[in-house]
Amino acid sequence: MKKSQWANPWVWGIGISCFILAMPTALVFASIFSPQLEVWQHLFNTVLSDYVVNSLTLAFGVGALVVLIGAPVAWCVARYEFVGRKQLQWLLLLPMAMPAYIIAYTYTGLLDFAGPVQTWLRDKYAWQYGDYYFPEIRSLGGAIFMLALVLYPYVYLLARTAFSEQPKSLEETAKSLGVTPTKYWFKVVFPLARPAILMGTALAMMEAFADYGTVQYFGVSTFTTGIFRTWFGLNNGIAAAQLAAVLTGFVILLLFLEFFSRRKVKYYVQGQVAKPSARVKLNKAPSIWVCLLCLLPVLFGFLVPCLQLIIWAIETFNAQFNQSFLTLLWNSFYLAALASISAVSLALFFAYGKRLNQMGFIQVSISIVKLGYAVPGTVIAIGALISLTWLDLRLNFLTETLFDTSVGLILSGSLFSLVLVYSCRFLAVAQHNIETGLVRIKPSMDEAARSLGYKPFQILKSIHIPLLKGSVLSALLLVFVDVLKELPATLILRPFNFNTLAIKTFELASDERLMDAALPALAIVFVGILPVILLTKIMDKSNHE
């Protein structure tokens, strides 16, 4: 039996694919065995403590703030009926379409010394520089606030589902025992929702660890900015990879802490079907106040920055909408399309391979590769660049020896490297959608197809993919938008003279040309709204609201 399993081409295909996808991250960790004592001594004496303190402060600050924003609004939407609730339940997801680095550029333009807010204050009250205090937007606190504004939907989504699914019987039992509403919330409601809230918080914190555009623009020294400085400033790829390994270690530690916090926490609901608690209808005044509370994250996380981008884009449209912008649009589109097709194809291959064969080797291999979503894009990009550069050098040596010609950087200097990294980074996003759809297809359909002489690939192509059309399309869309927004990996691996909307936005904002950066930034935001609409439809369909 074992021999026949290992002879299966699906097993070998999955094993080789997983090896290739895991190689970049593995090489980053392998770099710790390469001594770089002088560089590390320099980093230790100068900036390493800043990297550690700022990265941890950023991640835990974002984690605390997303809970403070996401959990209360999730509770209000899940448990109360108020003015505008039906609209706010999906409006609260809109900040997911706003990349953190774009909201950082926008608020800098609004709140900086020369921005409209401070200019209005000086004109209104005849103040001069130094006559008043105004919070510094370009700071660690500013970065925490910017990231929290776009990452709180992670907590909101999971907490809302957890609050909505809590059965009415628990509330009735608590009332019959004389438990006060406050005590019921802390003793029953929050413990039941805690795993979901912690998972959302962990996802937001991982995004904070991985952020580069916001912290670089605000001048905050973190591990991601340190990796770029070590690579391009000190010209030391190995030391940069070692910094990346430390950063990944923090992410793994975070995942372990999240798992450890709920290792003995298990809650079960008796019975097959539990009737959820009915939403409480609020009176006019409380209803308005709750509506305003839920509107604040949408206002500051999406509406204000989006309105400012639209104003800037209108003012600069004639100058910015040209052939160069159309080239950026095309580059971004076909790169995201290539990466999403690659990631979804791999997800289909892996998901169906798991369905065909339950070998532990396959399960473990795919699980390891899926962890790529938790690894910052900077880390995977550095590992890919090291491995692909090594392969390019060997290929060039071989072709020069055999044919007396050089093929150039056909792997590390082409879009292949970017597609590989995006596939590593976003495979889990695609596979989650594919596996969710695949479990709904009964195994009896596979058995019937095999009895008719269909091979596994024919079954996947002719039966499963048509049935999985919705899951495949949603996976393609989600990966497409994630690739469109990805900044650090694209900065490291893009070929020469190849720009995308994200890169152009970053370059213009770094040159303080915030108004010129508005049009490409707005294009990213508008495309980013698509998965939010998709997610809203899925939630409406599943909740039947």
Protein backbone atom coordinates (compact mmCIF):
# COMPACT_ATOMS: atom_id res chain seq x y z
CA MET A 1 0.00 0.00 0.00
CA LYS A 2 2.75 2.43 0.95
CA LYS A 3 4.70 1.71 -2.22
CA SER A 4 1.64 2.36 -4.37
CA GLN A 5 1.04 5.63 -2.52
CA TRP A 6 4.58 6.84 -3.16
CA ALA A 7 4.25 5.85 -6.81
CA ASN A 8 1.29 8.22 -7.17
CA PRO A 9 2.32 11.21 -9.34
CA TRP A 10 0.07 13.50 -7.25
CA VAL A 11 2.21 12.75 -4.19
CA TRP A 12 5.43 13.59 -6.01
CA GLY A 13 3.89 16.67 -7.60
CA ILE A 14 2.67 18.00 -4.26
CA GLY A 15 5.97 17.17 -2.56
CA ILE A 16 8.08 18.98 -5.19
CA SER A 17 5.73 21.98 -5.28
CA CYS A 18 5.75 22.28 -1.50
CA PHE A 19 9.54 22.04 -1.46
CA ILE A 20 9.85 24.90 -3.97
CA LEU A 21 7.33 27.08 -2.12
CA ALA A 22 8.91 26.44 1.28
CA MET A 23 12.48 27.00 0.06
CA PRO A 24 12.56 30.84 0.35
CA THR A 25 11.51 30.85 4.00
CA ALA A 26 13.74 27.87 4.80
CA LEU A 27 16.76 29.69 3.33
CA VAL A 28 16.04 32.72 5.50
CA PHE A 29 16.18 30.54 8.60
CA ALA A 30 19.28 28.72 7.28
CA SER A 31 21.06 32.08 7.07
CA ILE A 32 21.41 32.18 10.86
CA PHE A 33 24.24 29.65 10.53
CA SER A 34 26.30 32.06 8.41
CA PRO A 35 28.48 34.20 10.73
CA GLN A 36 28.04 37.97 10.34
CA LEU A 37 29.59 39.08 13.62
CA GLU A 38 30.77 42.53 12.50
CA VAL A 39 27.40 43.51 11.04
CA TRP A 40 25.52 42.23 14.07
CA GLN A 41 27.90 44.03 16.41
CA HIS A 42 27.22 47.22 14.47
CA LEU A 43 23.45 46.63 14.58
CA PHE A 44 23.56 45.77 18.28
CA ASN A 45 25.46 48.95 19.13
CA THR A 46 23.24 51.22 17.04
CA VAL A 47 19.73 50.28 15.96
CA LEU A 48 18.85 46.70 16.96
CA SER A 49 17.18 47.73 20.22
CA ASP A 50 15.05 50.23 18.28
CA TYR A 51 14.02 47.51 15.84
CA VAL A 52 12.92 45.19 18.67
CA VAL A 53 11.18 47.79 20.84
CA ASN A 54 9.43 49.57 17.96
CA SER A 55 8.30 46.35 16.26
CA LEU A 56 6.86 44.94 19.48
CA THR A 57 5.27 48.26 20.45
CA LEU A 58 3.76 48.59 16.97
CA ALA A 59 2.34 45.06 16.93
CA PHE A 60 0.92 45.07 20.46
CA GLY A 61 -0.31 48.65 20.13
CA VAL A 62 -2.19 47.71 16.96
CA GLY A 63 -3.48 44.56 18.67
CA ALA A 64 -4.90 46.54 21.60
CA LEU A 65 -6.44 49.21 19.39
CA VAL A 66 -8.13 46.82 16.94
CA VAL A 67 -9.81 45.09 19.88
CA LEU A 68 -10.98 48.44 21.28
CA ILE A 69 -12.42 49.37 17.87
CA GLY A 70 -13.55 46.04 16.44
CA ALA A 71 -15.10 44.26 19.44
CA PRO A 72 -17.55 47.00 20.56
CA VAL A 73 -18.88 47.65 17.04
CA ALA A 74 -19.18 43.91 16.47
CA TRP A 75 -21.22 43.62 19.67
CA CYS A 76 -23.48 46.52 18.65
CA VAL A 77 -24.12 45.13 15.16
CA ALA A 78 -24.66 41.58 16.40
CA ARG A 79 -26.89 42.26 19.40
CA TYR A 80 -28.75 45.53 18.79
CA GLU A 81 -31.22 46.84 16.24
CA PHE A 82 -30.53 50.52 15.58
CA VAL A 83 -30.72 53.20 12.89
CA GLY A 84 -28.49 52.35 9.93
CA ARG A 85 -27.48 48.90 11.22
CA LYS A 86 -28.19 47.15 7.92
CA GLN A 87 -25.88 49.55 6.05
CA LEU A 88 -23.19 49.73 8.75
CA GLN A 89 -22.74 45.96 8.95
CA TRP A 90 -21.03 46.08 5.52
CA LEU A 91 -19.74 49.66 5.66
CA LEU A 92 -17.57 48.61 8.61
CA LEU A 93 -15.69 46.30 6.23
CA LEU A 94 -14.69 49.09 3.80
CA PRO A 95 -11.40 50.00 5.56
CA MET A 96 -10.13 46.57 4.44
CA ALA A 97 -9.94 48.07 0.93
CA MET A 98 -7.61 50.83 2.13
CA PRO A 99 -3.94 49.72 2.31
CA ALA A 100 -2.23 51.03 5.45
CA TYR A 101 0.48 52.89 3.55
CA ILE A 102 -2.13 54.77 1.50
CA ILE A 103 -4.09 55.88 4.55
CA ALA A 104 -0.79 56.99 6.08
CA TYR A 105 0.00 59.20 3.07
CA THR A 106 -3.51 60.65 3.11
CA TYR A 107 -3.58 61.57 6.79
CA THR A 108 -0.09 63.00 6.55
CA GLY A 109 -1.33 65.36 3.84
CA LEU A 110 -4.32 66.27 6.03
CA LEU A 111 -2.68 66.60 9.44
CA ASP A 112 0.91 67.67 8.75
CA PHE A 113 2.06 71.21 9.57
CA ALA A 114 1.35 72.40 6.02
CA GLY A 115 -1.88 70.40 5.75
CA PRO A 116 -5.38 71.91 5.66
CA VAL A 117 -6.23 71.12 9.31
CA GLN A 118 -3.28 72.89 10.93
CA THR A 119 -3.38 75.67 8.32
CA TRP A 120 -7.04 76.32 9.18
CA LEU A 121 -6.25 76.39 12.91
CA ARG A 122 -3.45 78.92 12.43
CA ASP A 123 -5.61 81.12 10.21
CA LYS A 124 -8.63 80.85 12.52
CA TYR A 125 -6.83 81.71 15.76
CA ALA A 126 -3.84 83.68 14.40
CA TRP A 127 -1.44 81.10 15.82
CA GLN A 128 2.20 80.81 14.89
CA TYR A 129 4.49 77.78 14.94
CA GLY A 130 5.05 76.84 18.57
CA ASP A 131 1.90 78.55 19.88
CA TYR A 132 -0.08 75.31 19.96
CA TYR A 133 0.35 71.57 20.38
CA PHE A 134 -0.71 69.17 17.65
CA PRO A 135 -0.05 65.39 17.72
CA GLU A 136 2.79 64.34 15.43
CA ILE A 137 1.34 62.11 12.73
CA ARG A 138 4.76 60.86 11.61
CA SER A 139 5.49 58.87 14.73
CA LEU A 140 5.18 55.40 16.20
CA GLY A 141 1.81 56.35 17.69
CA GLY A 142 0.67 57.64 14.31
CA ALA A 143 1.70 54.35 12.65
CA ILE A 144 -0.22 52.36 15.27
CA PHE A 145 -3.33 54.45 14.70
CA MET A 146 -3.10 54.22 10.90
CA LEU A 147 -2.68 50.45 10.93
CA ALA A 148 -5.49 49.95 13.46
CA LEU A 149 -7.91 51.96 11.30
CA VAL A 150 -7.55 49.50 8.40
CA LEU A 151 -6.97 46.28 10.37
CA TYR A 152 -9.83 46.38 12.91
CA PRO A 153 -12.16 44.51 10.43
CA TYR A 154 -10.20 41.33 11.27
CA VAL A 155 -11.55 41.52 14.83
CA TYR A 156 -14.92 42.91 13.76
CA LEU A 157 -15.61 40.04 11.34
CA LEU A 158 -14.70 37.20 13.68
CA ALA A 159 -16.18 38.79 16.79
CA ARG A 160 -19.44 39.62 15.04
CA THR A 161 -19.85 36.00 13.99
CA ALA A 162 -19.01 34.79 17.51
CA PHE A 163 -21.47 37.20 19.15
CA SER A 164 -24.24 36.39 16.63
CA GLU A 165 -23.95 32.63 17.11
CA GLN A 166 -24.26 32.65 20.90
CA PRO A 167 -27.52 30.84 21.73
CA LYS A 168 -30.47 32.51 23.38
CA SER A 169 -30.73 29.65 25.88
CA LEU A 170 -27.55 30.81 27.61
CA GLU A 171 -28.95 34.29 28.14
CA GLU A 172 -32.27 32.91 29.42
CA THR A 173 -30.47 30.56 31.81
CA ALA A 174 -28.30 33.39 33.14
CA LYS A 175 -31.36 35.59 33.75
CA SER A 176 -33.14 32.78 35.57
CA LEU A 177 -30.14 32.48 37.88
CA GLY A 178 -30.17 36.19 38.64
CA VAL A 179 -26.96 37.01 36.75
CA THR A 180 -26.67 40.73 36.02
CA PRO A 181 -26.12 41.84 32.38
CA THR A 182 -22.60 43.06 33.15
CA LYS A 183 -21.61 39.85 34.89
CA TYR A 184 -23.20 37.81 32.09
CA TRP A 185 -21.11 39.68 29.52
CA PHE A 186 -17.82 39.09 31.32
CA LYS A 187 -18.55 35.54 32.49
CA VAL A 188 -20.32 34.13 29.41
CA VAL A 189 -20.35 36.38 26.34
CA PHE A 190 -16.68 37.42 26.31
CA PRO A 191 -15.24 33.95 27.15
CA LEU A 192 -17.26 32.42 24.31
CA ALA A 193 -16.07 35.09 21.85
CA ARG A 194 -12.50 35.27 23.16
CA PRO A 195 -10.97 32.71 20.73
CA ALA A 196 -12.43 34.60 17.75
CA ILE A 197 -11.28 37.98 19.11
CA LEU A 198 -7.79 36.64 19.79
CA MET A 199 -7.55 35.16 16.30
CA GLY A 200 -8.56 38.47 14.72
CA THR A 201 -6.08 40.30 16.94
CA ALA A 202 -3.29 37.90 15.99
CA LEU A 203 -4.00 38.43 12.28
CA ALA A 204 -3.88 42.22 12.74
CA MET A 205 -0.63 41.98 14.70
CA MET A 206 0.96 39.83 11.99
CA GLU A 207 0.04 42.47 9.43
CA ALA A 208 1.60 45.11 11.69
CA PHE A 209 4.85 43.10 11.94
CA ALA A 210 4.89 42.78 8.14
CA ASP A 211 4.13 46.44 7.35
CA TYR A 212 6.79 48.42 5.52
CA GLY A 213 5.15 51.33 3.67
CA THR A 214 3.65 53.01 6.74
CA VAL A 215 6.61 52.72 9.10
CA GLN A 216 9.11 53.68 6.40
CA TYR A 217 7.14 56.78 5.47
CA PHE A 218 6.72 57.78 9.12
CA GLY A 219 10.42 57.23 9.83
CA VAL A 220 9.83 54.49 12.43
CA SER A 221 12.66 51.96 12.70
CA THR A 222 11.28 48.42 12.73
CA PHE A 223 12.55 45.08 11.51
CA THR A 224 11.06 45.59 8.04
CA THR A 225 12.79 48.94 7.54
CA GLY A 226 15.98 47.47 9.05
CA ILE A 227 15.93 44.62 6.54
CA PHE A 228 15.85 47.09 3.64
CA ARG A 229 18.60 49.23 5.17
CA THR A 230 20.84 46.25 5.82
CA TRP A 231 20.29 44.85 2.32
CA PHE A 232 20.60 48.06 0.31
CA GLY A 233 22.51 50.31 2.74
CA LEU A 234 25.08 47.86 4.09
CA ASN A 235 24.91 45.72 0.93
CA ASN A 236 24.71 42.59 3.07
CA GLY A 237 22.05 40.11 1.96
CA ILE A 238 22.96 37.47 4.55
CA ALA A 239 22.58 39.87 7.49
CA ALA A 240 19.28 41.09 6.02
CA ALA A 241 18.11 37.48 5.83
CA GLN A 242 19.12 36.98 9.46
CA LEU A 243 17.08 40.01 10.48
CA ALA A 244 14.21 38.56 8.48
CA ALA A 245 14.60 35.29 10.41
CA VAL A 246 14.32 37.17 13.70
CA LEU A 247 11.19 38.94 12.45
CA THR A 248 9.66 35.61 11.43
CA GLY A 249 10.54 34.30 14.87
CA PHE A 250 8.41 37.05 16.40
CA VAL A 251 5.51 36.08 14.13
CA ILE A 252 5.85 32.39 15.05
CA LEU A 253 5.98 33.34 18.74
CA LEU A 254 2.80 35.36 18.27
CA LEU A 255 1.05 32.38 16.66
CA PHE A 256 2.23 30.16 19.51
CA LEU A 257 0.93 32.61 22.13
CA GLU A 258 -2.43 32.79 20.38
CA PHE A 259 -2.64 28.99 20.33
CA PHE A 260 -1.37 28.71 23.93
CA SER A 261 -3.99 31.19 25.17
CA ARG A 262 -6.83 28.90 24.08
CA ARG A 263 -5.24 25.48 24.42
CA LYS A 264 -7.54 24.46 27.29
CA VAL A 265 -10.45 26.71 26.41
CA LYS A 266 -13.25 24.75 24.75
CA TYR A 267 -16.91 25.65 24.74
CA TYR A 268 -19.72 23.54 23.39
CA VAL A 269 -23.39 24.18 22.78
CA GLN A 270 -25.78 21.35 23.59
CA GLY A 271 -28.07 20.22 20.79
CA GLN A 272 -27.85 20.27 17.04
CA VAL A 273 -29.51 23.65 16.48
CA ALA A 274 -29.19 26.60 18.87
CA LYS A 275 -31.48 29.58 18.40
CA PRO A 276 -29.39 32.77 18.51
CA SER A 277 -30.34 35.62 20.79
CA ALA A 278 -32.72 38.13 19.25
CA ARG A 279 -31.33 41.62 18.66
CA VAL A 280 -32.51 44.24 21.13
CA LYS A 281 -34.35 47.14 19.49
CA LEU A 282 -33.03 50.44 20.82
CA ASN A 283 -35.03 53.59 21.39
CA LYS A 284 -34.44 56.67 19.26
CA ALA A 285 -31.72 58.42 21.29
CA PRO A 286 -29.63 55.29 22.13
CA SER A 287 -30.11 54.12 18.53
CA ILE A 288 -28.57 57.32 17.17
CA TRP A 289 -25.64 57.19 19.60
CA VAL A 290 -24.87 53.55 18.71
CA CYS A 291 -25.09 54.42 15.01
CA LEU A 292 -22.59 57.26 15.49
CA LEU A 293 -20.27 54.96 17.46
CA CYS A 294 -20.27 52.39 14.65
CA LEU A 295 -19.89 55.09 12.02
CA LEU A 296 -16.65 56.50 13.47
CA PRO A 297 -14.34 53.65 12.28
CA VAL A 298 -15.85 53.87 8.78
CA LEU A 299 -15.51 57.65 8.76
CA PHE A 300 -11.85 57.76 9.76
CA GLY A 301 -10.80 54.44 8.24
CA PHE A 302 -12.32 54.93 4.80
CA LEU A 303 -14.57 57.92 4.06
CA VAL A 304 -12.22 60.76 5.10
CA PRO A 305 -9.07 59.38 3.38
CA CYS A 306 -11.06 58.30 0.32
CA LEU A 307 -12.65 61.75 -0.03
CA GLN A 308 -9.23 63.40 0.28
CA LEU A 309 -7.80 61.08 -2.38
CA ILE A 310 -10.69 61.88 -4.71
CA ILE A 311 -10.13 65.64 -4.25
CA TRP A 312 -6.40 65.30 -4.95
CA ALA A 313 -7.01 62.97 -7.91
CA ILE A 314 -9.43 65.45 -9.51
CA GLU A 315 -6.92 68.28 -9.12
CA THR A 316 -4.08 66.30 -10.68
CA PHE A 317 -6.07 64.14 -13.12
CA ASN A 318 -5.01 65.93 -16.31
CA ALA A 319 -1.34 65.72 -15.38
CA GLN A 320 -1.37 62.15 -14.03
CA PHE A 321 -3.77 60.32 -16.34
CA ASN A 322 -1.45 59.61 -19.26
CA GLN A 323 0.24 56.75 -21.05
CA SER A 324 2.53 56.19 -18.06
CA PHE A 325 -0.46 55.69 -15.75
CA LEU A 326 -2.08 53.27 -18.21
CA THR A 327 1.19 51.32 -18.30
CA LEU A 328 1.16 51.14 -14.50
CA LEU A 329 -2.43 49.96 -14.61
CA TRP A 330 -1.59 47.24 -17.14
CA ASN A 331 1.55 46.11 -15.27
CA SER A 332 -0.39 45.84 -12.03
CA PHE A 333 -3.27 44.03 -13.69
CA TYR A 334 -1.36 41.32 -15.51
CA LEU A 335 1.07 40.76 -12.64
CA ALA A 336 -1.83 40.30 -10.22
CA ALA A 337 -3.62 38.11 -12.77
CA LEU A 338 -0.56 35.87 -13.23
CA ALA A 339 -0.05 35.54 -9.49
CA SER A 340 -3.71 34.84 -8.72
CA ILE A 341 -3.95 32.19 -11.45
CA SER A 342 -0.75 30.58 -10.14
CA ALA A 343 -1.89 30.61 -6.50
CA VAL A 344 -5.38 29.31 -7.28
CA SER A 345 -4.02 26.57 -9.58
CA LEU A 346 -1.70 25.41 -6.81
CA ALA A 347 -4.55 25.59 -4.29
CA LEU A 348 -6.71 23.38 -6.54
CA PHE A 349 -3.85 20.95 -7.02
CA PHE A 350 -3.12 20.73 -3.28
CA ALA A 351 -6.75 20.57 -2.15
CA TYR A 352 -7.63 17.81 -4.59
CA GLY A 353 -4.39 15.99 -3.79
CA LYS A 354 -5.39 15.93 -0.11
CA ARG A 355 -8.79 14.59 -1.13
CA LEU A 356 -7.19 11.80 -3.17
CA ASN A 357 -4.58 10.77 -0.65
CA GLN A 358 -4.67 11.14 3.16
CA MET A 359 -0.96 10.46 3.61
CA GLY A 360 0.56 12.28 6.57
CA PHE A 361 3.37 13.49 4.30
CA ILE A 362 0.89 15.37 2.10
CA GLN A 363 -1.05 16.82 5.03
CA VAL A 364 2.09 18.09 6.78
CA SER A 365 3.69 19.45 3.60
CA ILE A 366 0.62 21.46 2.61
CA SER A 367 0.13 22.72 6.17
CA ILE A 368 3.73 24.01 6.26
CA VAL A 369 3.34 25.81 2.94
CA LYS A 370 0.07 27.41 4.05
CA LEU A 371 1.97 29.10 6.89
CA GLY A 372 3.44 31.38 4.22
CA TYR A 373 0.52 33.74 4.79
CA ALA A 374 1.82 34.36 8.30
CA VAL A 375 5.32 35.15 7.03
CA PRO A 376 5.96 38.81 6.05
CA GLY A 377 6.36 39.40 2.32
CA THR A 378 9.79 40.92 2.94
CA VAL A 379 11.02 37.64 4.42
CA ILE A 380 9.79 35.46 1.56
CA ALA A 381 11.15 37.95 -1.01
CA ILE A 382 14.65 37.85 0.49
CA GLY A 383 14.66 34.06 0.61
CA ALA A 384 13.44 33.86 -2.99
CA LEU A 385 16.07 36.36 -4.17
CA ILE A 386 18.88 34.40 -2.51
CA SER A 387 17.76 31.04 -3.93
CA LEU A 388 16.91 32.29 -7.43
CA THR A 389 20.13 34.29 -7.71
CA TRP A 390 22.09 31.15 -6.83
CA LEU A 391 20.19 29.23 -9.53
CA ASP A 392 20.77 32.00 -12.09
CA LEU A 393 24.51 31.93 -11.42
CA ARG A 394 24.61 28.16 -11.91
CA LEU A 395 22.56 28.38 -15.11
CA ASN A 396 24.84 31.09 -16.49
CA PHE A 397 27.94 29.06 -15.63
CA LEU A 398 26.42 26.04 -17.38
CA THR A 399 25.42 27.94 -20.54
CA GLU A 400 28.77 29.73 -20.73
CA THR A 401 30.56 26.39 -20.40
CA LEU A 402 28.44 24.59 -22.98
CA PHE A 403 27.38 27.32 -25.41
CA ASP A 404 29.73 30.21 -24.64
CA THR A 405 26.79 32.53 -23.93
CA SER A 406 25.04 33.95 -20.88
CA VAL A 407 21.28 33.75 -20.34
CA GLY A 408 21.15 36.55 -17.76
CA LEU A 409 18.94 36.73 -14.68
CA ILE A 410 16.06 34.76 -16.14
CA LEU A 411 14.71 33.77 -12.69
CA SER A 412 15.67 36.43 -10.15
CA GLY A 413 15.43 39.29 -12.63
CA SER A 414 12.03 38.48 -14.12
CA LEU A 415 8.39 38.35 -13.07
CA PHE A 416 8.89 34.68 -12.22
CA SER A 417 10.37 35.65 -8.85
CA LEU A 418 7.40 37.88 -8.01
CA VAL A 419 4.84 35.25 -9.02
CA LEU A 420 6.69 32.67 -6.90
CA VAL A 421 6.69 34.93 -3.83
CA TYR A 422 3.05 35.92 -4.27
CA SER A 423 2.12 32.24 -4.59
CA CYS A 424 3.98 31.48 -1.35
CA ARG A 425 2.43 34.45 0.43
CA PHE A 426 -1.20 34.10 -0.63
CA LEU A 427 -1.62 30.36 -1.23
CA ALA A 428 -3.47 30.01 2.09
CA VAL A 429 -6.03 32.63 1.00
CA ALA A 430 -6.82 30.69 -2.17
CA GLN A 431 -6.74 27.27 -0.54
CA HIS A 432 -9.15 28.26 2.21
CA ASN A 433 -11.76 29.17 -0.41
CA ILE A 434 -11.10 26.07 -2.51
CA GLU A 435 -11.23 23.64 0.42
CA THR A 436 -14.42 25.26 1.73
CA GLY A 437 -16.10 24.53 -1.60
CA LEU A 438 -14.51 21.12 -2.07
CA VAL A 439 -15.89 19.66 1.17
CA ARG A 440 -19.41 20.23 -0.16
CA ILE A 441 -18.81 17.81 -3.05
CA LYS A 442 -19.73 14.29 -1.99
CA PRO A 443 -17.04 11.61 -2.38
CA SER A 444 -19.63 9.46 -4.16
CA MET A 445 -19.31 11.75 -7.20
CA ASP A 446 -15.58 10.91 -7.41
CA GLU A 447 -16.34 7.22 -7.06
CA ALA A 448 -18.96 7.35 -9.80
CA ALA A 449 -16.57 9.17 -12.14
CA ARG A 450 -13.80 6.63 -11.49
CA SER A 451 -16.19 3.80 -12.20
CA LEU A 452 -16.75 5.41 -15.62
CA GLY A 453 -13.01 5.37 -16.33
CA TYR A 454 -12.20 9.00 -15.48
CA LYS A 455 -8.66 9.74 -14.33
CA PRO A 456 -8.07 12.05 -11.30
CA PHE A 457 -7.12 15.04 -13.47
CA GLN A 458 -10.19 14.50 -15.67
CA ILE A 459 -12.41 14.39 -12.57
CA LEU A 460 -10.90 17.64 -11.31
CA LYS A 461 -11.22 19.36 -14.69
CA SER A 462 -14.63 18.10 -15.78
CA ILE A 463 -16.51 17.75 -12.48
CA HIS A 464 -14.91 19.58 -9.57
CA ILE A 465 -13.85 22.85 -11.21
CA PRO A 466 -17.32 23.53 -12.70
CA LEU A 467 -18.88 22.83 -9.29
CA LEU A 468 -16.25 24.99 -7.58
CA LYS A 469 -16.75 27.93 -9.93
CA GLY A 470 -17.88 30.28 -7.16
CA SER A 471 -15.04 29.30 -4.82
CA VAL A 472 -12.46 29.56 -7.59
CA LEU A 473 -13.66 33.01 -8.66
CA SER A 474 -13.70 34.33 -5.09
CA ALA A 475 -10.19 32.93 -4.51
CA LEU A 476 -8.94 34.56 -7.73
CA LEU A 477 -10.42 37.90 -6.69
CA LEU A 478 -9.03 37.83 -3.14
CA VAL A 479 -5.52 36.92 -4.27
CA PHE A 480 -5.70 39.46 -7.13
CA VAL A 481 -6.41 42.32 -4.73
CA ASP A 482 -3.82 41.15 -2.17
CA VAL A 483 -1.16 41.12 -4.89
CA LEU A 484 -2.25 44.53 -6.13
CA LYS A 485 -1.69 46.00 -2.65
CA GLU A 486 1.54 44.14 -1.81
CA LEU A 487 4.43 46.59 -1.46
CA PRO A 488 7.65 45.26 0.21
CA ALA A 489 8.00 42.06 -1.85
CA THR A 490 7.39 44.03 -5.06
CA LEU A 491 9.99 46.63 -4.06
CA ILE A 492 12.63 43.94 -3.56
CA LEU A 493 11.95 41.70 -6.56
CA ARG A 494 10.51 43.85 -9.37
CA PRO A 495 12.50 43.76 -12.61
CA PHE A 496 14.33 46.88 -13.74
CA ASN A 497 12.08 49.56 -15.25
CA PHE A 498 8.98 47.72 -14.07
CA ASN A 499 6.55 49.70 -11.92
CA THR A 500 3.13 48.94 -10.45
CA LEU A 501 0.46 51.15 -8.90
CA ALA A 502 1.70 50.30 -5.41
CA ILE A 503 5.34 51.11 -6.27
CA LYS A 504 4.41 54.38 -8.01
CA THR A 505 2.25 55.46 -5.08
CA PHE A 506 5.12 54.70 -2.70
CA GLU A 507 7.69 56.56 -4.80
CA LEU A 508 5.55 59.67 -5.23
CA ALA A 509 4.64 59.78 -1.55
CA SER A 510 8.29 59.30 -0.55
CA ASP A 511 9.09 62.36 -2.70
CA GLU A 512 6.32 64.24 -0.81
CA ARG A 513 4.23 64.43 -3.99
CA LEU A 514 1.11 63.34 -2.13
CA MET A 515 -1.34 64.90 -4.56
CA ASP A 516 0.34 63.18 -7.51
CA ALA A 517 0.18 59.87 -5.62
CA ALA A 518 -3.61 60.14 -5.24
CA LEU A 519 -4.65 58.70 -8.64
CA PRO A 520 -2.69 55.41 -8.43
CA ALA A 521 -3.64 55.10 -4.75
CA LEU A 522 -7.31 55.61 -5.58
CA ALA A 523 -7.10 52.92 -8.29
CA ILE A 524 -5.80 50.44 -5.69
CA VAL A 525 -8.56 51.39 -3.23
CA PHE A 526 -11.37 51.05 -5.77
CA VAL A 527 -10.16 47.62 -6.86
CA GLY A 528 -9.80 46.69 -3.18
CA ILE A 529 -13.50 47.32 -2.65
CA LEU A 530 -14.35 44.28 -4.84
CA PRO A 531 -13.50 41.58 -2.26
CA VAL A 532 -15.33 43.61 0.39
CA ILE A 533 -18.48 43.46 -1.75
CA LEU A 534 -17.90 39.73 -2.29
CA LEU A 535 -17.38 39.15 1.44
CA THR A 536 -20.54 41.11 2.24
CA LYS A 537 -22.61 38.98 -0.15
CA ILE A 538 -21.18 35.78 1.33
CA MET A 539 -21.99 36.94 4.86
CA ASP A 540 -25.50 38.01 3.89
CA LYS A 541 -26.11 34.66 2.24
CA SER A 542 -24.77 32.63 5.18
CA ASN A 543 -26.57 34.67 7.84
CA HIS A 544 -29.80 35.10 5.80
CA GLU A 545 -30.07 38.66 6.97
